Amino acid sequence: MLIAFQVGDDTLHLTEAFGRAVSLDFHRLQPDDVAGLLDGAGFDPAARMVTAPEPTSAAAPVPQCVLIARRAP
């Protein structure tokens, strides 16, 4: 499985997106916490990559994480 998420301890709340009113929360996560949850659910985390924030990206300028895990035998 591949999981991608923004790294952090905060929640980003949006009230507008693409010109529309919304109420949307993005919960940022810590890679060690997600890897622990995967392990507890019977998955072996196989690879992890955390990228530095890219200030010119359309996404929020925060680190991004990608975790790859496989089902434990």
N, C-alpha and C. Protein backbone atom coordinates (compact mmCIF):
# COMPACT_ATOMS: atom_id res chain seq x y z
N MET A 1 0.84 -1.15 0.00
CA MET A 1 0.00 0.00 0.00
C MET A 1 0.89 1.22 0.00
N LEU A 2 0.41 2.28 -0.57
CA LEU A 2 1.12 3.56 -0.58
C LEU A 2 0.21 4.60 0.07
N ILE A 3 0.75 5.31 1.04
CA ILE A 3 0.01 6.35 1.74
C ILE A 3 0.82 7.64 1.64
N ALA A 4 0.17 8.73 1.28
CA ALA A 4 0.83 10.03 1.20
C ALA A 4 0.04 11.03 2.05
N PHE A 5 0.77 11.89 2.76
CA PHE A 5 0.11 12.86 3.64
C PHE A 5 1.06 14.01 3.95
N GLN A 6 0.50 15.09 4.45
CA GLN A 6 1.29 16.23 4.89
C GLN A 6 1.76 15.97 6.32
N VAL A 7 2.99 16.36 6.60
CA VAL A 7 3.59 16.12 7.91
C VAL A 7 3.32 17.32 8.82
N GLY A 8 2.93 17.03 10.05
CA GLY A 8 2.71 18.09 11.03
C GLY A 8 1.86 17.60 12.17
N ASP A 9 1.61 18.49 13.10
CA ASP A 9 0.78 18.19 14.27
C ASP A 9 -0.48 19.04 14.30
N ASP A 10 -0.69 19.83 13.26
CA ASP A 10 -1.80 20.77 13.28
C ASP A 10 -2.92 20.32 12.34
N THR A 11 -4.00 21.05 12.37
CA THR A 11 -5.12 20.85 11.48
C THR A 11 -5.33 22.13 10.68
N LEU A 12 -5.39 21.99 9.37
CA LEU A 12 -5.66 23.13 8.50
C LEU A 12 -7.16 23.16 8.22
N HIS A 13 -7.82 24.27 8.51
CA HIS A 13 -9.26 24.41 8.26
C HIS A 13 -9.47 25.40 7.12
N LEU A 14 -10.19 24.96 6.09
CA LEU A 14 -10.52 25.83 4.97
C LEU A 14 -12.00 26.19 5.01
N THR A 15 -12.28 27.44 4.70
CA THR A 15 -13.67 27.90 4.60
C THR A 15 -14.04 28.23 3.15
N GLU A 16 -13.01 28.20 2.26
CA GLU A 16 -13.24 28.49 0.84
C GLU A 16 -12.25 27.66 0.04
N ALA A 17 -12.73 27.07 -1.06
CA ALA A 17 -11.87 26.33 -1.98
C ALA A 17 -12.47 26.41 -3.37
N PHE A 18 -11.64 26.76 -4.33
CA PHE A 18 -12.07 26.85 -5.73
C PHE A 18 -13.28 27.75 -5.90
N GLY A 19 -13.31 28.85 -5.12
CA GLY A 19 -14.39 29.82 -5.23
C GLY A 19 -15.69 29.41 -4.58
N ARG A 20 -15.68 28.35 -3.80
CA ARG A 20 -16.89 27.87 -3.12
C ARG A 20 -16.69 27.87 -1.61
N ALA A 21 -17.76 28.11 -0.89
CA ALA A 21 -17.72 28.02 0.57
C ALA A 21 -17.67 26.55 0.97
N VAL A 22 -16.73 26.21 1.85
CA VAL A 22 -16.59 24.83 2.33
C VAL A 22 -16.28 24.86 3.82
N SER A 23 -16.39 23.74 4.45
CA SER A 23 -15.89 23.53 5.80
C SER A 23 -15.10 22.23 5.74
N LEU A 24 -13.78 22.37 5.61
CA LEU A 24 -12.93 21.23 5.33
C LEU A 24 -11.71 21.26 6.25
N ASP A 25 -11.46 20.13 6.92
CA ASP A 25 -10.30 20.03 7.81
C ASP A 25 -9.29 19.03 7.24
N PHE A 26 -8.02 19.43 7.24
CA PHE A 26 -6.91 18.56 6.85
C PHE A 26 -6.08 18.31 8.10
N HIS A 27 -6.03 17.06 8.53
CA HIS A 27 -5.27 16.69 9.72
C HIS A 27 -3.88 16.23 9.29
N ARG A 28 -2.87 16.99 9.65
CA ARG A 28 -1.50 16.61 9.32
C ARG A 28 -1.03 15.58 10.34
N LEU A 29 -0.12 14.71 9.91
CA LEU A 29 0.27 13.56 10.72
C LEU A 29 1.79 13.44 10.81
N GLN A 30 2.25 12.69 11.79
CA GLN A 30 3.67 12.39 11.94
C GLN A 30 3.98 11.01 11.35
N PRO A 31 5.04 10.89 10.55
CA PRO A 31 5.36 9.61 9.91
C PRO A 31 5.50 8.43 10.89
N ASP A 32 6.14 8.65 12.04
CA ASP A 32 6.29 7.55 13.00
C ASP A 32 4.94 7.08 13.52
N ASP A 33 4.01 8.01 13.72
CA ASP A 33 2.68 7.64 14.20
C ASP A 33 1.94 6.79 13.17
N VAL A 34 2.00 7.20 11.90
CA VAL A 34 1.31 6.46 10.84
C VAL A 34 1.96 5.08 10.66
N ALA A 35 3.31 5.03 10.69
CA ALA A 35 3.99 3.74 10.58
C ALA A 35 3.60 2.81 11.72
N GLY A 36 3.45 3.34 12.92
CA GLY A 36 3.01 2.54 14.06
C GLY A 36 1.60 2.00 13.89
N LEU A 37 0.71 2.84 13.35
CA LEU A 37 -0.66 2.37 13.09
C LEU A 37 -0.68 1.26 12.04
N LEU A 38 0.14 1.43 11.00
CA LEU A 38 0.23 0.40 9.96
C LEU A 38 0.74 -0.91 10.56
N ASP A 39 1.78 -0.82 11.37
CA ASP A 39 2.34 -2.01 12.00
C ASP A 39 1.28 -2.69 12.87
N GLY A 40 0.54 -1.91 13.63
CA GLY A 40 -0.51 -2.46 14.48
C GLY A 40 -1.65 -3.11 13.71
N ALA A 41 -1.82 -2.70 12.44
CA ALA A 41 -2.87 -3.27 11.59
C ALA A 41 -2.36 -4.44 10.76
N GLY A 42 -1.13 -4.87 11.01
CA GLY A 42 -0.61 -6.04 10.31
C GLY A 42 0.15 -5.75 9.04
N PHE A 43 0.65 -4.53 8.90
CA PHE A 43 1.44 -4.16 7.72
C PHE A 43 2.88 -3.90 8.15
N ASP A 44 3.81 -4.26 7.27
CA ASP A 44 5.22 -3.96 7.49
C ASP A 44 5.59 -2.73 6.68
N PRO A 45 5.88 -1.61 7.34
CA PRO A 45 6.35 -0.45 6.59
C PRO A 45 7.66 -0.80 5.88
N ALA A 46 7.71 -0.63 4.56
CA ALA A 46 8.87 -1.03 3.76
C ALA A 46 9.72 0.16 3.33
N ALA A 47 9.12 1.31 3.14
CA ALA A 47 9.87 2.48 2.69
C ALA A 47 9.18 3.75 3.18
N ARG A 48 10.00 4.77 3.41
CA ARG A 48 9.47 6.06 3.86
C ARG A 48 10.28 7.17 3.20
N MET A 49 9.58 8.17 2.70
CA MET A 49 10.25 9.33 2.14
C MET A 49 9.53 10.58 2.65
N VAL A 50 10.29 11.50 3.21
CA VAL A 50 9.76 12.78 3.65
C VAL A 50 10.46 13.85 2.83
N THR A 51 9.67 14.66 2.14
CA THR A 51 10.24 15.70 1.30
C THR A 51 10.16 17.05 2.01
N ALA A 52 11.09 17.90 1.71
CA ALA A 52 11.10 19.25 2.27
C ALA A 52 9.97 20.06 1.65
N PRO A 53 9.49 21.09 2.35
CA PRO A 53 8.45 21.94 1.79
C PRO A 53 8.93 22.62 0.51
N GLU A 54 8.03 22.78 -0.43
CA GLU A 54 8.33 23.50 -1.66
C GLU A 54 7.49 24.77 -1.69
N PRO A 55 8.09 25.91 -1.42
CA PRO A 55 7.33 27.16 -1.32
C PRO A 55 6.62 27.56 -2.61
N THR A 56 7.06 27.07 -3.75
CA THR A 56 6.42 27.44 -5.02
C THR A 56 5.30 26.48 -5.42
N SER A 57 5.08 25.44 -4.63
CA SER A 57 4.04 24.45 -4.94
C SER A 57 2.66 25.01 -4.65
N ALA A 58 1.65 24.50 -5.36
CA ALA A 58 0.26 24.89 -5.10
C ALA A 58 -0.22 24.32 -3.77
N ALA A 59 0.43 23.26 -3.29
CA ALA A 59 0.08 22.67 -1.99
C ALA A 59 0.63 23.57 -0.88
N ALA A 60 0.16 23.33 0.32
CA ALA A 60 0.66 24.10 1.46
C ALA A 60 2.16 23.85 1.62
N PRO A 61 2.93 24.89 1.98
CA PRO A 61 4.38 24.72 2.11
C PRO A 61 4.77 23.99 3.40
N VAL A 62 4.44 22.70 3.46
CA VAL A 62 4.79 21.85 4.60
C VAL A 62 5.43 20.57 4.05
N PRO A 63 6.20 19.85 4.87
CA PRO A 63 6.78 18.60 4.40
C PRO A 63 5.69 17.60 4.00
N GLN A 64 6.02 16.77 3.03
CA GLN A 64 5.12 15.71 2.56
C GLN A 64 5.77 14.37 2.89
N CYS A 65 4.97 13.36 3.20
CA CYS A 65 5.48 12.02 3.49
C CYS A 65 4.79 11.00 2.60
N VAL A 66 5.57 10.03 2.15
CA VAL A 66 5.04 8.87 1.43
C VAL A 66 5.53 7.64 2.18
N LEU A 67 4.60 6.76 2.57
CA LEU A 67 4.93 5.49 3.21
C LEU A 67 4.47 4.36 2.31
N ILE A 68 5.34 3.36 2.14
CA ILE A 68 4.97 2.14 1.42
C ILE A 68 5.01 1.01 2.42
N ALA A 69 3.96 0.21 2.47
CA ALA A 69 3.89 -0.90 3.41
C ALA A 69 3.33 -2.12 2.70
N ARG A 70 3.69 -3.28 3.20
CA ARG A 70 3.14 -4.53 2.64
C ARG A 70 2.54 -5.35 3.78
N ARG A 71 1.60 -6.17 3.41
CA ARG A 71 0.91 -7.01 4.39
C ARG A 71 1.92 -7.95 5.02
N ALA A 72 1.94 -8.01 6.35
CA ALA A 72 2.85 -8.91 7.06
C ALA A 72 2.48 -10.36 6.73
N PRO A 73 3.51 -11.22 6.58
CA PRO A 73 3.22 -12.64 6.27
C PRO A 73 2.52 -13.34 7.41
